[in-house]
Amino acid sequence: MTLEFPNPSRSFDEVRNAIRFIGHDGMFEVPFFVEVEALAKSSAGLRNMELSEEMYLSTFDSARRSIEDVAREAYSHRRQTSYTLTAADFR
């Protein structure tokens, strides 16, 4: 099966300082986290700014397709219980 993202919900995880979203591989739910530093570095307009949870979620929404592509790539390399995407994953 391939990794899909049928549910557009996402949330801010304060403990991880990341945006959490879910992928699905058949009936299996696969949690992903995108570190907020990765979001800030991916958008030149956000660098060196103190951002709110709302701004991070909005940035995630704007870049969702490319984030999902990076998530699929990470998932294809190795199966894990969850994935944390960092700035290094977006190069």
C-alpha atoms as a PDB file:
ATOM      1  CA  MET A   1       0.000   0.000   0.000  1.00  0.00           C
ATOM      2  CA  THR A   2       1.005   3.612  -0.338  1.00  0.00           C
ATOM      3  CA  LEU A   3       0.948   6.337   2.242  1.00  0.00           C
ATOM      4  CA  GLU A   4      -2.048   8.642   1.894  1.00  0.00           C
ATOM      5  CA  PHE A   5      -3.233  11.703   3.789  1.00  0.00           C
ATOM      6  CA  PRO A   6      -7.044  11.623   3.539  1.00  0.00           C
ATOM      7  CA  ASN A   7      -7.620  13.568   6.767  1.00  0.00           C
ATOM      8  CA  PRO A   8      -6.548  17.224   6.565  1.00  0.00           C
ATOM      9  CA  SER A   9      -6.537  17.727  10.334  1.00  0.00           C
ATOM     10  CA  ARG A  10      -3.347  18.816  12.047  1.00  0.00           C
ATOM     11  CA  SER A  11      -2.505  20.157  15.465  1.00  0.00           C
ATOM     12  CA  PHE A  12       0.238  21.935  17.326  1.00  0.00           C
ATOM     13  CA  ASP A  13       2.125  19.715  19.774  1.00  0.00           C
ATOM     14  CA  GLU A  14       3.591  21.970  22.471  1.00  0.00           C
ATOM     15  CA  VAL A  15       5.729  19.231  24.001  1.00  0.00           C
ATOM     16  CA  ARG A  16       7.468  18.446  20.706  1.00  0.00           C
ATOM     17  CA  ASN A  17       7.218  22.021  19.396  1.00  0.00           C
ATOM     18  CA  ALA A  18       5.941  20.573  16.151  1.00  0.00           C
ATOM     19  CA  ILE A  19       2.891  20.235  13.959  1.00  0.00           C
ATOM     20  CA  ARG A  20       1.309  16.788  14.182  1.00  0.00           C
ATOM     21  CA  PHE A  21      -0.520  15.207  11.244  1.00  0.00           C
ATOM     22  CA  ILE A  22      -1.553  11.681  10.324  1.00  0.00           C
ATOM     23  CA  GLY A  23      -0.894   9.511   7.294  1.00  0.00           C
ATOM     24  CA  HIS A  24      -2.590   6.216   6.473  1.00  0.00           C
ATOM     25  CA  ASP A  25      -1.078   3.092   4.978  1.00  0.00           C
ATOM     26  CA  GLY A  26      -4.119   0.948   4.417  1.00  0.00           C
ATOM     27  CA  MET A  27      -5.720   0.547   7.818  1.00  0.00           C
ATOM     28  CA  PHE A  28      -2.589   1.664   9.682  1.00  0.00           C
ATOM     29  CA  GLU A  29      -2.378   5.174  11.091  1.00  0.00           C
ATOM     30  CA  VAL A  30       1.093   6.740  10.831  1.00  0.00           C
ATOM     31  CA  PRO A  31       1.794   9.838  12.982  1.00  0.00           C
ATOM     32  CA  PHE A  32       4.104  12.534  11.635  1.00  0.00           C
ATOM     33  CA  PHE A  33       5.565  15.633  13.273  1.00  0.00           C
ATOM     34  CA  VAL A  34       7.124  18.618  11.507  1.00  0.00           C
ATOM     35  CA  GLU A  35       9.413  20.622  13.749  1.00  0.00           C
ATOM     36  CA  VAL A  36       8.490  24.306  13.799  1.00  0.00           C
ATOM     37  CA  GLU A  37      12.117  25.186  12.987  1.00  0.00           C
ATOM     38  CA  ALA A  38      11.698  23.326   9.687  1.00  0.00           C
ATOM     39  CA  LEU A  39       8.600  25.395   8.892  1.00  0.00           C
ATOM     40  CA  ALA A  40      10.338  28.661   9.771  1.00  0.00           C
ATOM     41  CA  LYS A  41      13.389  27.802   7.663  1.00  0.00           C
ATOM     42  CA  SER A  42      11.252  26.781   4.703  1.00  0.00           C
ATOM     43  CA  SER A  43       9.670  30.226   4.516  1.00  0.00           C
ATOM     44  CA  ALA A  44      11.993  33.198   4.165  1.00  0.00           C
ATOM     45  CA  GLY A  45       9.305  35.528   5.498  1.00  0.00           C
ATOM     46  CA  LEU A  46       9.124  33.634   8.779  1.00  0.00           C
ATOM     47  CA  ARG A  47      12.808  33.556   9.637  1.00  0.00           C
ATOM     48  CA  ASN A  48      13.859  35.466  12.738  1.00  0.00           C
ATOM     49  CA  MET A  49      10.244  35.992  13.802  1.00  0.00           C
ATOM     50  CA  GLU A  50       8.580  34.875  17.001  1.00  0.00           C
ATOM     51  CA  LEU A  51       5.670  32.870  15.650  1.00  0.00           C
ATOM     52  CA  SER A  52       2.418  31.831  17.227  1.00  0.00           C
ATOM     53  CA  GLU A  53       0.782  28.431  17.048  1.00  0.00           C
ATOM     54  CA  GLU A  54      -1.724  29.882  14.590  1.00  0.00           C
ATOM     55  CA  MET A  55       1.034  31.117  12.272  1.00  0.00           C
ATOM     56  CA  TYR A  56       2.774  27.724  12.316  1.00  0.00           C
ATOM     57  CA  LEU A  57      -0.492  25.974  11.442  1.00  0.00           C
ATOM     58  CA  SER A  58      -1.101  28.426   8.616  1.00  0.00           C
ATOM     59  CA  THR A  59       2.432  27.901   7.301  1.00  0.00           C
ATOM     60  CA  PHE A  60       1.906  24.146   7.478  1.00  0.00           C
ATOM     61  CA  ASP A  61      -1.339  24.483   5.515  1.00  0.00           C
ATOM     62  CA  SER A  62       0.396  26.528   2.809  1.00  0.00           C
ATOM     63  CA  ALA A  63       3.167  23.956   2.407  1.00  0.00           C
ATOM     64  CA  ARG A  64       1.074  20.851   3.028  1.00  0.00           C
ATOM     65  CA  ARG A  65       1.659  19.156  -0.344  1.00  0.00           C
ATOM     66  CA  SER A  66       5.433  19.435  -0.157  1.00  0.00           C
ATOM     67  CA  ILE A  67       5.368  18.342   3.509  1.00  0.00           C
ATOM     68  CA  GLU A  68       3.329  15.275   2.558  1.00  0.00           C
ATOM     69  CA  ASP A  69       5.836  14.495  -0.222  1.00  0.00           C
ATOM     70  CA  VAL A  70       8.698  14.651   2.298  1.00  0.00           C
ATOM     71  CA  ALA A  71       6.683  12.465   4.676  1.00  0.00           C
ATOM     72  CA  ARG A  72       6.141   9.861   1.936  1.00  0.00           C
ATOM     73  CA  GLU A  73       9.869   9.863   1.208  1.00  0.00           C
ATOM     74  CA  ALA A  74      10.740   9.364   4.885  1.00  0.00           C
ATOM     75  CA  TYR A  75       8.165   6.593   5.197  1.00  0.00           C
ATOM     76  CA  SER A  76       9.490   4.780   2.122  1.00  0.00           C
ATOM     77  CA  HIS A  77      12.952   4.362   3.648  1.00  0.00           C
ATOM     78  CA  ARG A  78      12.033   2.661   6.887  1.00  0.00           C
ATOM     79  CA  ARG A  79       8.917   1.773   8.843  1.00  0.00           C
ATOM     80  CA  GLN A  80       8.731   3.401  12.271  1.00  0.00           C
ATOM     81  CA  THR A  81       6.004   4.016  14.839  1.00  0.00           C
ATOM     82  CA  SER A  82       6.171   7.774  14.193  1.00  0.00           C
ATOM     83  CA  TYR A  83       8.227  10.220  12.138  1.00  0.00           C
ATOM     84  CA  THR A  84       9.680  13.604  12.992  1.00  0.00           C
ATOM     85  CA  LEU A  85      10.535  15.737   9.985  1.00  0.00           C
ATOM     86  CA  THR A  86      13.306  18.270  10.497  1.00  0.00           C
ATOM     87  CA  ALA A  87      14.777  21.034   8.342  1.00  0.00           C
ATOM     88  CA  ALA A  88      17.325  18.510   6.999  1.00  0.00           C
ATOM     89  CA  ASP A  89      14.462  16.489   5.471  1.00  0.00           C
ATOM     90  CA  PHE A  90      13.402  19.456   3.312  1.00  0.00           C
ATOM     91  CA  ARG A  91      16.646  19.920   1.355  1.00  0.00           C
END
